[in-house]
Amino acid sequence: GAQSEVQIYGNAFHAGLEAYVQHYENFKTYQEDYFYVRAFEFLDRSDLLEWRKKYYKDELKTHFPLVSERIRETKRDQSFVEYGFGLGSGQEKVFLGDIALKGKIDRIDLSNDGTLVVHDYKSSKLSKMSLSYELQLRFYSVILSLSSRFASYPIKSFVLDALHSHNWAPLISHSLFPQSSEIERDKAIIAY
């Protein structure tokens, strides 16, 4: 089906973020142009009206510097962006018993202290952590705890960053701190 404008904006943001972080991982320099080129190309290919494309490009110019600043401040060894599990060839397969788990995580930071900080970006108006977003982040914790690549790293926190159109608060963050007992409980619920 057709995507809503907010979905198109969110996908453009994710495409730009992936280009930005991948460039940093490859060359260890931050180049915001990589974000804007990829995100703007995505918007330009969309079926949005020209004035709406301009509106969302302006939104990206508001939001991305705030996200970029947070990324630059993060003390990490490595970041993984748009990291998929079980969605296509070359992606890690994750199972809980015989149940295949699938998902894509916006950003995973392997921190200098050996812990994971997981980031999820939302382009919808979000003033508090809703149950559906909390369940999504809890599902990610189950996937990560079963992942051959990430299971050996404890999860420090999940950060949900909501991108708003408000000048007074264009980026609102909510954090969730999963405990290993909660992750084990969630595994039992899924396996049931």
Protein backbone atom coordinates (compact mmCIF):
# COMPACT_ATOMS: atom_id res chain seq x y z
CA GLY A 1 0.00 0.00 0.00
CA ALA A 2 0.88 3.66 -0.18
CA GLN A 3 3.06 5.04 2.56
CA SER A 4 1.99 7.95 4.69
CA GLU A 5 4.06 11.15 4.63
CA VAL A 6 5.38 10.37 8.10
CA GLN A 7 6.51 6.92 6.94
CA ILE A 8 8.25 8.44 3.92
CA TYR A 9 9.97 10.97 6.18
CA GLY A 10 11.00 8.22 8.61
CA ASN A 11 12.39 6.08 5.79
CA ALA A 12 14.31 9.06 4.38
CA PHE A 13 15.75 9.72 7.85
CA HIS A 14 16.80 6.06 8.23
CA ALA A 15 18.40 5.99 4.77
CA GLY A 16 20.42 9.10 5.58
CA LEU A 17 21.39 7.82 9.02
CA GLU A 18 22.65 4.57 7.54
CA ALA A 19 24.85 6.45 5.03
CA TYR A 20 26.16 8.79 7.76
CA VAL A 21 27.12 6.07 10.25
CA GLN A 22 28.48 3.71 7.57
CA HIS A 23 30.77 6.50 6.33
CA TYR A 24 32.00 7.03 9.89
CA GLU A 25 32.57 3.31 10.43
CA ASN A 26 34.56 3.10 7.16
CA PHE A 27 36.61 6.32 7.41
CA LYS A 28 36.32 7.45 11.08
CA THR A 29 35.20 10.94 10.05
CA TYR A 30 31.75 12.46 10.38
CA GLN A 31 30.38 13.90 7.15
CA GLU A 32 26.84 15.22 7.49
CA ASP A 33 26.65 15.55 3.70
CA TYR A 34 26.33 11.76 3.48
CA PHE A 35 23.16 11.97 5.55
CA TYR A 36 21.60 14.78 3.53
CA VAL A 37 22.46 13.38 0.08
CA ARG A 38 20.91 9.99 0.85
CA ALA A 39 17.88 11.34 2.74
CA PHE A 40 17.14 14.00 0.12
CA GLU A 41 17.50 11.45 -2.71
CA PHE A 42 14.96 9.29 -0.92
CA LEU A 43 12.50 12.19 -0.61
CA ASP A 44 13.09 13.24 -4.23
CA ARG A 45 12.18 9.73 -5.43
CA SER A 46 8.97 9.73 -3.38
CA ASP A 47 5.57 10.71 -4.72
CA LEU A 48 5.23 13.63 -2.32
CA LEU A 49 4.27 16.99 -3.76
CA GLU A 50 7.24 19.32 -4.22
CA TRP A 51 6.22 21.65 -1.41
CA ARG A 52 5.91 18.66 0.97
CA LYS A 53 9.37 17.43 -0.08
CA LYS A 54 10.74 20.87 0.81
CA TYR A 55 8.90 20.77 4.15
CA TYR A 56 10.41 17.38 5.06
CA LYS A 57 13.88 18.44 3.90
CA ASP A 58 13.58 21.38 6.31
CA GLU A 59 12.50 18.93 9.03
CA LEU A 60 15.61 16.83 8.33
CA LYS A 61 17.75 19.97 8.63
CA THR A 62 16.19 20.57 12.05
CA HIS A 63 16.37 17.03 13.39
CA PHE A 64 19.59 15.61 12.03
CA PRO A 65 22.01 18.07 13.68
CA LEU A 66 20.53 17.08 17.06
CA VAL A 67 20.86 13.37 16.32
CA SER A 68 24.34 13.88 14.84
CA GLU A 69 25.46 15.70 17.98
CA ARG A 70 24.33 12.78 20.13
CA ILE A 71 26.06 10.28 17.85
CA ARG A 72 29.30 12.25 18.01
CA GLU A 73 29.12 12.39 21.82
CA THR A 74 28.61 8.63 22.14
CA LYS A 75 31.61 6.78 23.53
CA ARG A 76 31.57 3.64 21.44
CA ASP A 77 33.82 1.20 19.67
CA GLN A 78 31.43 0.47 16.83
CA SER A 79 27.92 1.22 15.58
CA PHE A 80 25.61 -0.93 13.53
CA VAL A 81 22.79 0.84 11.66
CA GLU A 82 19.64 -0.71 10.21
CA TYR A 83 20.90 -4.05 11.53
CA GLY A 84 18.57 -6.81 10.35
CA PHE A 85 17.98 -10.25 11.79
CA GLY A 86 16.52 -13.03 9.63
CA LEU A 87 15.07 -10.69 7.01
CA GLY A 88 17.26 -11.54 4.04
CA SER A 89 20.32 -13.32 2.76
CA GLY A 90 23.47 -12.55 4.66
CA GLN A 91 21.58 -11.59 7.82
CA GLU A 92 22.02 -13.50 11.04
CA LYS A 93 19.28 -16.02 11.76
CA VAL A 94 18.02 -15.88 15.35
CA PHE A 95 15.87 -18.60 16.90
CA LEU A 96 14.06 -19.04 20.18
CA GLY A 97 13.66 -22.81 20.18
CA ASP A 98 12.20 -23.44 16.73
CA ILE A 99 10.70 -19.95 16.41
CA ALA A 100 12.55 -17.73 13.91
CA LEU A 101 12.78 -14.16 15.18
CA LYS A 102 13.00 -11.33 12.67
CA GLY A 103 13.53 -7.61 12.98
CA LYS A 104 15.59 -4.60 12.08
CA ILE A 105 17.19 -2.41 14.72
CA ASP A 106 17.79 1.24 13.87
CA ARG A 107 21.14 1.59 15.65
CA ILE A 108 23.21 -0.58 17.97
CA ASP A 109 26.22 1.00 19.68
CA LEU A 110 28.88 -1.25 21.15
CA SER A 111 30.06 1.06 23.92
CA ASN A 112 33.64 1.40 25.12
CA ASP A 113 32.64 -0.33 28.37
CA GLY A 114 31.54 -3.49 26.50
CA THR A 115 27.80 -2.88 26.76
CA LEU A 116 25.16 -2.31 24.10
CA VAL A 117 23.07 0.81 23.75
CA VAL A 118 20.20 0.34 21.31
CA HIS A 119 18.57 3.31 19.59
CA ASP A 120 15.20 3.44 17.89
CA TYR A 121 14.01 6.51 16.02
CA LYS A 122 10.37 7.48 15.63
CA SER A 123 9.05 10.19 13.38
CA SER A 124 5.68 10.33 15.10
CA LYS A 125 4.57 12.62 17.89
CA LEU A 126 5.58 10.81 21.05
CA SER A 127 5.49 12.46 24.44
CA LYS A 128 5.86 9.29 26.52
CA MET A 129 6.88 5.68 26.06
CA SER A 130 3.82 3.82 24.80
CA LEU A 131 3.24 0.14 25.47
CA SER A 132 3.71 -0.78 21.79
CA TYR A 133 7.13 0.91 21.69
CA GLU A 134 8.13 -0.70 24.98
CA LEU A 135 7.13 -4.12 23.60
CA GLN A 136 9.16 -3.45 20.44
CA LEU A 137 12.26 -2.63 22.51
CA ARG A 138 11.72 -5.66 24.74
CA PHE A 139 11.48 -7.85 21.62
CA TYR A 140 14.81 -6.38 20.47
CA SER A 141 16.34 -7.34 23.81
CA VAL A 142 15.26 -10.95 23.25
CA ILE A 143 16.76 -10.96 19.73
CA LEU A 144 20.03 -9.47 20.96
CA SER A 145 20.25 -11.94 23.86
CA LEU A 146 20.00 -14.82 21.35
CA SER A 147 22.24 -13.32 18.68
CA SER A 148 25.57 -15.02 18.08
CA ARG A 149 27.10 -11.59 17.42
CA PHE A 150 25.65 -9.64 20.36
CA ALA A 151 24.61 -12.10 23.10
CA SER A 152 27.91 -11.79 24.98
CA TYR A 153 27.38 -8.03 25.51
CA PRO A 154 25.01 -6.88 28.24
CA ILE A 155 22.37 -4.38 27.18
CA LYS A 156 22.91 -1.11 29.01
CA SER A 157 19.86 0.70 27.70
CA PHE A 158 17.38 1.28 24.93
CA VAL A 159 16.89 4.84 23.79
CA LEU A 160 13.78 5.83 21.89
CA ASP A 161 14.30 9.14 20.08
CA ALA A 162 11.14 10.83 18.82
CA LEU A 163 11.60 13.47 16.13
CA HIS A 164 9.03 16.25 16.57
CA SER A 165 8.02 19.32 14.61
CA HIS A 166 8.02 21.40 17.81
CA ASN A 167 10.63 24.14 17.99
CA TRP A 168 10.65 23.83 21.77
CA ALA A 169 11.46 20.10 21.69
CA PRO A 170 12.42 18.74 18.25
CA LEU A 171 14.01 15.63 19.78
CA ILE A 172 12.52 13.89 22.80
CA SER A 173 14.23 10.80 24.22
CA HIS A 174 12.93 8.02 26.42
CA SER A 175 15.12 5.31 27.92
CA LEU A 176 14.39 1.78 28.99
CA PHE A 177 16.82 -0.28 31.07
CA PRO A 178 16.09 -4.00 30.58
CA GLN A 179 17.07 -6.42 33.32
CA SER A 180 18.23 -9.94 32.49
CA SER A 181 15.30 -11.39 34.48
CA GLU A 182 12.88 -9.40 32.28
CA ILE A 183 14.58 -10.65 29.12
CA GLU A 184 14.27 -14.25 30.33
CA ARG A 185 10.58 -13.67 31.18
CA ASP A 186 9.97 -12.25 27.69
CA LYS A 187 11.67 -15.27 26.11
CA ALA A 188 9.32 -17.56 28.06
CA ILE A 189 6.29 -15.53 26.93
CA ILE A 190 7.33 -15.68 23.27
CA ALA A 191 8.13 -19.41 23.45
CA TYR A 192 4.80 -20.14 25.11
